[in-house]
N, C-alpha and C. Protein backbone atom coordinates (compact mmCIF):
# COMPACT_ATOMS: atom_id res chain seq x y z
N MET A 1 10.05 -10.44 -18.30
CA MET A 1 10.25 -10.34 -16.86
C MET A 1 9.38 -9.21 -16.30
N THR A 2 8.64 -9.47 -15.28
CA THR A 2 7.85 -8.41 -14.70
C THR A 2 8.74 -7.30 -14.12
N THR A 3 8.24 -6.12 -14.03
CA THR A 3 9.08 -5.05 -13.57
C THR A 3 9.49 -5.18 -12.13
N ARG A 4 8.61 -5.63 -11.27
CA ARG A 4 9.00 -5.82 -9.88
C ARG A 4 10.02 -6.97 -9.75
N ARG A 5 9.88 -7.96 -10.58
CA ARG A 5 10.87 -9.04 -10.60
C ARG A 5 12.25 -8.46 -10.92
N ARG A 6 12.28 -7.57 -11.89
CA ARG A 6 13.55 -6.92 -12.27
C ARG A 6 14.11 -6.14 -11.07
N VAL A 7 13.25 -5.44 -10.32
CA VAL A 7 13.71 -4.71 -9.15
C VAL A 7 14.33 -5.67 -8.14
N ARG A 8 13.68 -6.79 -7.90
CA ARG A 8 14.16 -7.78 -6.95
C ARG A 8 15.53 -8.32 -7.41
N GLU A 9 15.70 -8.52 -8.70
CA GLU A 9 16.96 -8.98 -9.25
C GLU A 9 18.08 -8.00 -8.99
N VAL A 10 17.81 -6.71 -9.23
CA VAL A 10 18.83 -5.67 -9.00
C VAL A 10 19.11 -5.55 -7.51
N VAL A 11 18.12 -5.62 -6.65
CA VAL A 11 18.36 -5.56 -5.20
C VAL A 11 19.14 -6.76 -4.78
N LEU A 12 18.89 -7.93 -5.34
CA LEU A 12 19.68 -9.09 -5.01
C LEU A 12 21.16 -8.85 -5.39
N GLN A 13 21.41 -8.30 -6.53
CA GLN A 13 22.78 -7.98 -6.94
C GLN A 13 23.49 -7.06 -5.92
N LEU A 14 22.74 -6.06 -5.45
CA LEU A 14 23.32 -5.13 -4.46
C LEU A 14 23.57 -5.82 -3.14
N LEU A 15 22.64 -6.67 -2.69
CA LEU A 15 22.82 -7.39 -1.44
C LEU A 15 24.04 -8.32 -1.54
N PHE A 16 24.16 -9.01 -2.69
CA PHE A 16 25.28 -9.87 -2.91
C PHE A 16 26.57 -9.09 -2.79
N GLU A 17 26.65 -7.97 -3.47
CA GLU A 17 27.82 -7.15 -3.44
C GLU A 17 28.16 -6.66 -2.04
N GLU A 18 27.15 -6.20 -1.32
CA GLU A 18 27.39 -5.72 0.06
C GLU A 18 27.86 -6.85 0.94
N ASP A 19 27.36 -8.05 0.70
CA ASP A 19 27.76 -9.20 1.52
C ASP A 19 29.24 -9.53 1.26
N ILE A 20 29.66 -9.46 0.02
CA ILE A 20 31.04 -9.76 -0.39
C ILE A 20 31.97 -8.61 -0.04
N ASN A 21 31.49 -7.37 -0.24
CA ASN A 21 32.32 -6.18 -0.05
C ASN A 21 31.63 -5.18 0.85
N PRO A 22 31.65 -5.43 2.18
CA PRO A 22 30.90 -4.58 3.10
C PRO A 22 31.48 -3.14 3.21
N THR A 23 32.63 -2.88 2.64
CA THR A 23 33.21 -1.56 2.75
C THR A 23 32.79 -0.63 1.60
N ARG A 24 32.03 -1.17 0.66
CA ARG A 24 31.60 -0.32 -0.46
C ARG A 24 30.67 0.72 0.04
N PRO A 25 30.79 1.96 -0.43
CA PRO A 25 29.93 3.05 0.03
C PRO A 25 28.46 2.74 -0.26
N ILE A 26 27.63 2.91 0.74
CA ILE A 26 26.20 2.60 0.66
C ILE A 26 25.53 3.46 -0.38
N ASP A 27 25.94 4.70 -0.53
CA ASP A 27 25.26 5.56 -1.50
C ASP A 27 25.46 5.19 -2.93
N ALA A 28 26.46 4.34 -3.21
CA ALA A 28 26.65 3.82 -4.59
C ALA A 28 25.46 3.01 -5.07
N ALA A 29 24.73 2.45 -4.14
CA ALA A 29 23.58 1.61 -4.49
C ALA A 29 22.49 2.41 -5.22
N SER A 30 22.29 3.65 -4.83
CA SER A 30 21.26 4.47 -5.45
C SER A 30 21.55 4.72 -6.94
N GLU A 31 22.76 4.97 -7.27
CA GLU A 31 23.12 5.19 -8.68
C GLU A 31 22.97 3.85 -9.46
N PHE A 32 23.36 2.75 -8.83
CA PHE A 32 23.21 1.43 -9.47
C PHE A 32 21.75 1.17 -9.77
N LEU A 33 20.88 1.38 -8.76
CA LEU A 33 19.45 1.15 -8.95
C LEU A 33 18.94 2.03 -10.08
N SER A 34 19.32 3.29 -10.10
CA SER A 34 18.83 4.19 -11.13
C SER A 34 19.24 3.77 -12.51
N ARG A 35 20.49 3.41 -12.69
CA ARG A 35 20.96 2.94 -13.99
C ARG A 35 20.30 1.65 -14.43
N ARG A 36 20.25 0.68 -13.54
CA ARG A 36 19.75 -0.64 -13.88
C ARG A 36 18.23 -0.63 -14.11
N LEU A 37 17.55 0.28 -13.47
CA LEU A 37 16.09 0.35 -13.64
C LEU A 37 15.69 1.48 -14.57
N ARG A 38 16.61 1.91 -15.37
CA ARG A 38 16.39 2.89 -16.45
C ARG A 38 15.68 4.16 -15.96
N ARG A 39 16.08 4.58 -14.77
CA ARG A 39 15.58 5.85 -14.21
C ARG A 39 14.03 5.89 -14.02
N ASN A 40 13.45 4.69 -13.87
CA ASN A 40 12.01 4.58 -13.67
C ASN A 40 11.74 4.83 -12.18
N LYS A 41 11.19 6.00 -11.85
CA LYS A 41 11.09 6.43 -10.44
C LYS A 41 10.28 5.50 -9.55
N PRO A 42 9.13 5.01 -10.00
CA PRO A 42 8.39 4.06 -9.09
C PRO A 42 9.17 2.77 -8.83
N LEU A 43 9.87 2.27 -9.84
CA LEU A 43 10.65 1.04 -9.62
C LEU A 43 11.86 1.31 -8.73
N ILE A 44 12.50 2.45 -8.92
CA ILE A 44 13.63 2.82 -8.08
C ILE A 44 13.16 2.94 -6.64
N ALA A 45 12.02 3.59 -6.44
CA ALA A 45 11.49 3.77 -5.09
C ALA A 45 11.20 2.41 -4.40
N PHE A 46 10.66 1.46 -5.18
CA PHE A 46 10.41 0.13 -4.64
C PHE A 46 11.72 -0.53 -4.29
N GLY A 47 12.74 -0.43 -5.13
CA GLY A 47 14.06 -0.99 -4.86
C GLY A 47 14.69 -0.38 -3.63
N GLU A 48 14.64 0.93 -3.52
CA GLU A 48 15.22 1.62 -2.36
C GLU A 48 14.51 1.21 -1.08
N GLN A 49 13.19 1.04 -1.16
CA GLN A 49 12.43 0.62 0.02
C GLN A 49 12.84 -0.80 0.43
N LEU A 50 12.96 -1.70 -0.53
CA LEU A 50 13.41 -3.07 -0.20
C LEU A 50 14.80 -3.06 0.40
N LEU A 51 15.71 -2.36 -0.22
CA LEU A 51 17.10 -2.34 0.25
C LEU A 51 17.22 -1.71 1.61
N ALA A 52 16.53 -0.58 1.85
CA ALA A 52 16.56 0.07 3.16
C ALA A 52 15.96 -0.84 4.24
N GLY A 53 14.85 -1.49 3.93
CA GLY A 53 14.22 -2.37 4.93
C GLY A 53 15.11 -3.56 5.27
N ILE A 54 15.72 -4.13 4.30
CA ILE A 54 16.61 -5.27 4.56
C ILE A 54 17.80 -4.83 5.35
N ARG A 55 18.39 -3.69 5.00
CA ARG A 55 19.54 -3.17 5.77
C ARG A 55 19.14 -2.90 7.20
N THR A 56 18.00 -2.26 7.38
CA THR A 56 17.60 -1.89 8.72
C THR A 56 17.30 -3.07 9.59
N HIS A 57 16.70 -4.11 9.05
CA HIS A 57 16.25 -5.27 9.81
C HIS A 57 17.11 -6.53 9.58
N ARG A 58 18.29 -6.33 9.04
CA ARG A 58 19.09 -7.48 8.64
C ARG A 58 19.38 -8.46 9.78
N LYS A 59 19.68 -7.95 10.94
CA LYS A 59 20.02 -8.80 12.07
C LYS A 59 18.84 -9.69 12.44
N SER A 60 17.65 -9.10 12.58
CA SER A 60 16.47 -9.87 12.97
C SER A 60 16.00 -10.77 11.82
N ILE A 61 16.16 -10.34 10.57
CA ILE A 61 15.85 -11.19 9.42
C ILE A 61 16.74 -12.41 9.45
N ASP A 62 18.06 -12.18 9.65
CA ASP A 62 18.99 -13.34 9.71
C ASP A 62 18.64 -14.28 10.85
N GLN A 63 18.24 -13.74 11.99
CA GLN A 63 17.84 -14.60 13.10
C GLN A 63 16.62 -15.43 12.77
N ALA A 64 15.64 -14.81 12.12
CA ALA A 64 14.45 -15.54 11.74
C ALA A 64 14.77 -16.64 10.75
N ILE A 65 15.61 -16.34 9.77
CA ILE A 65 16.03 -17.34 8.79
C ILE A 65 16.76 -18.48 9.52
N GLY A 66 17.68 -18.14 10.40
CA GLY A 66 18.46 -19.15 11.09
C GLY A 66 17.59 -20.04 11.97
N GLN A 67 16.55 -19.46 12.56
CA GLN A 67 15.64 -20.26 13.42
C GLN A 67 14.84 -21.25 12.65
N HIS A 68 14.63 -21.02 11.35
CA HIS A 68 13.80 -21.90 10.52
C HIS A 68 14.61 -22.72 9.52
N ALA A 69 15.92 -22.57 9.55
CA ALA A 69 16.79 -23.35 8.66
C ALA A 69 17.26 -24.58 9.39
N ALA A 70 16.73 -25.73 9.05
CA ALA A 70 17.09 -26.97 9.71
C ALA A 70 18.55 -27.30 9.39
N ASN A 71 19.36 -27.35 10.44
CA ASN A 71 20.78 -27.75 10.34
C ASN A 71 21.63 -26.84 9.46
N TRP A 72 21.21 -25.60 9.30
CA TRP A 72 21.98 -24.63 8.52
C TRP A 72 22.15 -23.34 9.31
N SER A 73 23.36 -22.81 9.32
CA SER A 73 23.53 -21.45 9.86
C SER A 73 23.55 -20.51 8.68
N ILE A 74 23.22 -19.30 8.90
CA ILE A 74 23.18 -18.30 7.84
C ILE A 74 24.55 -18.17 7.17
N LYS A 75 25.63 -18.33 7.94
CA LYS A 75 26.97 -18.17 7.38
C LYS A 75 27.35 -19.35 6.49
N ARG A 76 26.70 -20.51 6.68
CA ARG A 76 27.01 -21.70 5.87
C ARG A 76 26.35 -21.68 4.51
N MET A 77 25.30 -20.86 4.37
CA MET A 77 24.56 -20.79 3.13
C MET A 77 25.39 -20.09 2.04
N THR A 78 25.12 -20.41 0.83
CA THR A 78 25.83 -19.69 -0.25
C THR A 78 25.41 -18.23 -0.20
N VAL A 79 26.27 -17.35 -0.70
CA VAL A 79 25.96 -15.94 -0.67
C VAL A 79 24.67 -15.63 -1.45
N VAL A 80 24.49 -16.24 -2.57
CA VAL A 80 23.27 -16.04 -3.37
C VAL A 80 22.04 -16.47 -2.59
N ASP A 81 22.04 -17.70 -2.07
CA ASP A 81 20.86 -18.19 -1.33
C ASP A 81 20.58 -17.34 -0.12
N ARG A 82 21.60 -16.99 0.63
CA ARG A 82 21.44 -16.17 1.83
C ARG A 82 20.75 -14.84 1.49
N ASN A 83 21.16 -14.22 0.42
CA ASN A 83 20.57 -12.94 0.09
C ASN A 83 19.21 -13.02 -0.56
N ILE A 84 18.95 -14.08 -1.27
CA ILE A 84 17.56 -14.34 -1.78
C ILE A 84 16.67 -14.50 -0.56
N LEU A 85 17.12 -15.25 0.44
CA LEU A 85 16.30 -15.49 1.64
C LEU A 85 16.08 -14.22 2.39
N ARG A 86 17.09 -13.36 2.47
CA ARG A 86 16.93 -12.03 3.18
C ARG A 86 15.86 -11.21 2.49
N LEU A 87 15.93 -11.15 1.18
CA LEU A 87 14.97 -10.36 0.40
C LEU A 87 13.55 -10.92 0.60
N ALA A 88 13.39 -12.21 0.44
CA ALA A 88 12.06 -12.80 0.60
C ALA A 88 11.55 -12.74 2.04
N ALA A 89 12.44 -12.96 3.00
CA ALA A 89 11.99 -12.89 4.41
C ALA A 89 11.53 -11.47 4.74
N TYR A 90 12.22 -10.49 4.25
CA TYR A 90 11.76 -9.11 4.47
C TYR A 90 10.36 -8.92 3.90
N GLU A 91 10.17 -9.34 2.68
CA GLU A 91 8.84 -9.16 2.06
C GLU A 91 7.79 -9.97 2.79
N LEU A 92 8.11 -11.19 3.22
CA LEU A 92 7.16 -11.98 3.95
C LEU A 92 6.74 -11.40 5.32
N LEU A 93 7.78 -10.99 6.04
CA LEU A 93 7.58 -10.62 7.44
C LEU A 93 7.28 -9.13 7.65
N LEU A 94 7.82 -8.29 6.79
CA LEU A 94 7.66 -6.82 7.03
C LEU A 94 7.08 -6.09 5.83
N GLY A 95 7.09 -6.68 4.70
CA GLY A 95 6.62 -6.01 3.51
C GLY A 95 5.14 -6.21 3.29
N LYS A 96 4.66 -5.69 2.19
CA LYS A 96 3.24 -5.78 1.85
C LYS A 96 2.98 -6.79 0.76
N THR A 97 3.99 -7.55 0.37
CA THR A 97 3.89 -8.54 -0.69
C THR A 97 3.16 -9.78 -0.14
N PRO A 98 2.16 -10.28 -0.86
CA PRO A 98 1.48 -11.52 -0.47
C PRO A 98 2.53 -12.68 -0.39
N ALA A 99 2.37 -13.53 0.60
CA ALA A 99 3.32 -14.61 0.78
C ALA A 99 3.56 -15.47 -0.46
N PRO A 100 2.52 -15.90 -1.18
CA PRO A 100 2.79 -16.71 -2.38
C PRO A 100 3.64 -15.99 -3.40
N VAL A 101 3.41 -14.69 -3.52
CA VAL A 101 4.22 -13.89 -4.51
C VAL A 101 5.68 -13.82 -4.04
N ALA A 102 5.89 -13.48 -2.78
CA ALA A 102 7.24 -13.37 -2.27
C ALA A 102 8.02 -14.68 -2.39
N ILE A 103 7.38 -15.79 -2.09
CA ILE A 103 8.03 -17.09 -2.18
C ILE A 103 8.30 -17.45 -3.62
N ASN A 104 7.31 -17.25 -4.51
CA ASN A 104 7.52 -17.58 -5.91
C ASN A 104 8.64 -16.73 -6.53
N GLU A 105 8.68 -15.46 -6.22
CA GLU A 105 9.76 -14.59 -6.72
C GLU A 105 11.11 -15.07 -6.24
N ALA A 106 11.21 -15.46 -5.01
CA ALA A 106 12.49 -15.99 -4.45
C ALA A 106 12.89 -17.27 -5.15
N ILE A 107 11.97 -18.14 -5.44
CA ILE A 107 12.23 -19.38 -6.15
C ILE A 107 12.77 -19.12 -7.52
N GLU A 108 12.14 -18.16 -8.22
CA GLU A 108 12.61 -17.80 -9.56
C GLU A 108 13.99 -17.21 -9.53
N LEU A 109 14.30 -16.40 -8.53
CA LEU A 109 15.67 -15.88 -8.40
C LEU A 109 16.66 -17.01 -8.12
N ALA A 110 16.26 -17.93 -7.28
CA ALA A 110 17.14 -19.07 -6.99
C ALA A 110 17.39 -19.94 -8.21
N LYS A 111 16.38 -20.14 -9.03
CA LYS A 111 16.56 -20.90 -10.26
C LYS A 111 17.52 -20.20 -11.18
N ARG A 112 17.41 -18.90 -11.27
CA ARG A 112 18.26 -18.14 -12.18
C ARG A 112 19.69 -17.95 -11.70
N TYR A 113 19.85 -17.66 -10.42
CA TYR A 113 21.19 -17.28 -9.93
C TYR A 113 21.80 -18.30 -8.97
N GLY A 114 21.01 -19.24 -8.46
CA GLY A 114 21.55 -20.16 -7.48
C GLY A 114 22.15 -21.41 -8.09
N GLN A 115 22.43 -22.35 -7.22
CA GLN A 115 22.96 -23.65 -7.64
C GLN A 115 21.82 -24.59 -7.97
N ALA A 116 22.17 -25.80 -8.31
CA ALA A 116 21.14 -26.76 -8.81
C ALA A 116 20.01 -26.97 -7.81
N ASN A 117 20.32 -27.04 -6.52
CA ASN A 117 19.26 -27.28 -5.54
C ASN A 117 18.80 -26.06 -4.79
N SER A 118 19.25 -24.88 -5.21
CA SER A 118 18.89 -23.64 -4.49
C SER A 118 17.41 -23.39 -4.45
N SER A 119 16.68 -23.64 -5.54
CA SER A 119 15.25 -23.34 -5.51
C SER A 119 14.53 -24.21 -4.52
N GLN A 120 14.88 -25.47 -4.38
CA GLN A 120 14.24 -26.34 -3.41
C GLN A 120 14.56 -25.90 -1.96
N PHE A 121 15.82 -25.54 -1.74
CA PHE A 121 16.27 -25.09 -0.44
C PHE A 121 15.52 -23.81 -0.05
N VAL A 122 15.48 -22.82 -0.95
CA VAL A 122 14.78 -21.56 -0.73
C VAL A 122 13.28 -21.82 -0.47
N ASN A 123 12.68 -22.61 -1.32
CA ASN A 123 11.25 -22.91 -1.16
C ASN A 123 10.93 -23.53 0.21
N GLY A 124 11.69 -24.55 0.57
CA GLY A 124 11.46 -25.21 1.84
C GLY A 124 11.63 -24.29 3.06
N LEU A 125 12.68 -23.50 3.02
CA LEU A 125 12.95 -22.63 4.15
C LEU A 125 11.91 -21.51 4.24
N LEU A 126 11.56 -20.91 3.14
CA LEU A 126 10.55 -19.83 3.13
C LEU A 126 9.17 -20.38 3.51
N ASP A 127 8.86 -21.58 3.10
CA ASP A 127 7.58 -22.17 3.47
C ASP A 127 7.51 -22.34 4.99
N ARG A 128 8.61 -22.85 5.58
CA ARG A 128 8.65 -23.00 7.06
C ARG A 128 8.57 -21.62 7.74
N LEU A 129 9.34 -20.68 7.21
CA LEU A 129 9.31 -19.32 7.79
C LEU A 129 7.91 -18.73 7.73
N HIS A 130 7.24 -18.88 6.62
CA HIS A 130 5.89 -18.34 6.46
C HIS A 130 4.89 -19.03 7.42
N ARG A 131 4.98 -20.34 7.57
CA ARG A 131 4.04 -21.05 8.40
C ARG A 131 4.32 -20.86 9.88
N GLU A 132 5.61 -20.75 10.27
CA GLU A 132 5.96 -20.78 11.69
C GLU A 132 6.35 -19.43 12.26
N ALA A 133 6.74 -18.50 11.46
CA ALA A 133 7.24 -17.23 12.00
C ALA A 133 6.13 -16.44 12.64
N LYS A 134 6.47 -15.80 13.71
CA LYS A 134 5.52 -14.91 14.40
C LYS A 134 5.96 -13.48 14.09
N PRO A 135 4.98 -12.58 13.95
CA PRO A 135 5.32 -11.19 13.60
C PRO A 135 6.38 -10.58 14.54
N ALA A 136 6.44 -10.98 15.78
CA ALA A 136 7.39 -10.40 16.71
C ALA A 136 8.84 -10.82 16.39
N GLU A 137 9.01 -11.88 15.60
CA GLU A 137 10.38 -12.38 15.33
C GLU A 137 11.23 -11.34 14.59
N VAL A 138 10.59 -10.55 13.76
CA VAL A 138 11.27 -9.48 13.06
C VAL A 138 10.54 -8.19 13.44
N SER A 139 11.19 -7.43 14.30
CA SER A 139 10.57 -6.21 14.80
C SER A 139 10.56 -5.13 13.75
N PRO A 140 9.43 -4.44 13.58
CA PRO A 140 9.40 -3.32 12.62
C PRO A 140 10.12 -2.11 13.16
N ALA A 141 10.54 -2.14 14.40
CA ALA A 141 11.28 -0.99 14.97
C ALA A 141 12.67 -0.95 14.41
N HIS A 142 13.25 0.23 14.33
CA HIS A 142 14.63 0.38 13.82
C HIS A 142 15.61 -0.32 14.74
N GLU A 143 16.52 -1.08 14.18
CA GLU A 143 17.54 -1.80 14.99
C GLU A 143 18.82 -1.04 15.03
């Protein structure tokens, strides 16, 4: 497993937990990242950057996902799929990750952690988001 893939996997675990248990202290995530990424500072920094960006822009990320999800609301999606999409949408719309890489990484996470059709669902939605989203849909300004 590539190292950045491992970071995305750990960030997905944190997003999943925050989605299920929103009252968990936010600072607990830093220790989790540190332990899971074996105290590798560059990887921890990448994970913290992803997590902070998703947290900061979650509302507009969710809106962008919802606008491109045919007949699906963000609340109807499984917790795993929803958070894989948040991670990938952040990387597509606000991050520096090339679109093919962000989409492929999301598909691999969906294959590993999602349901039988999760990878197809994630692929289709992210492809639409990538083709149709405008940079203004997710504002880089703090929300």
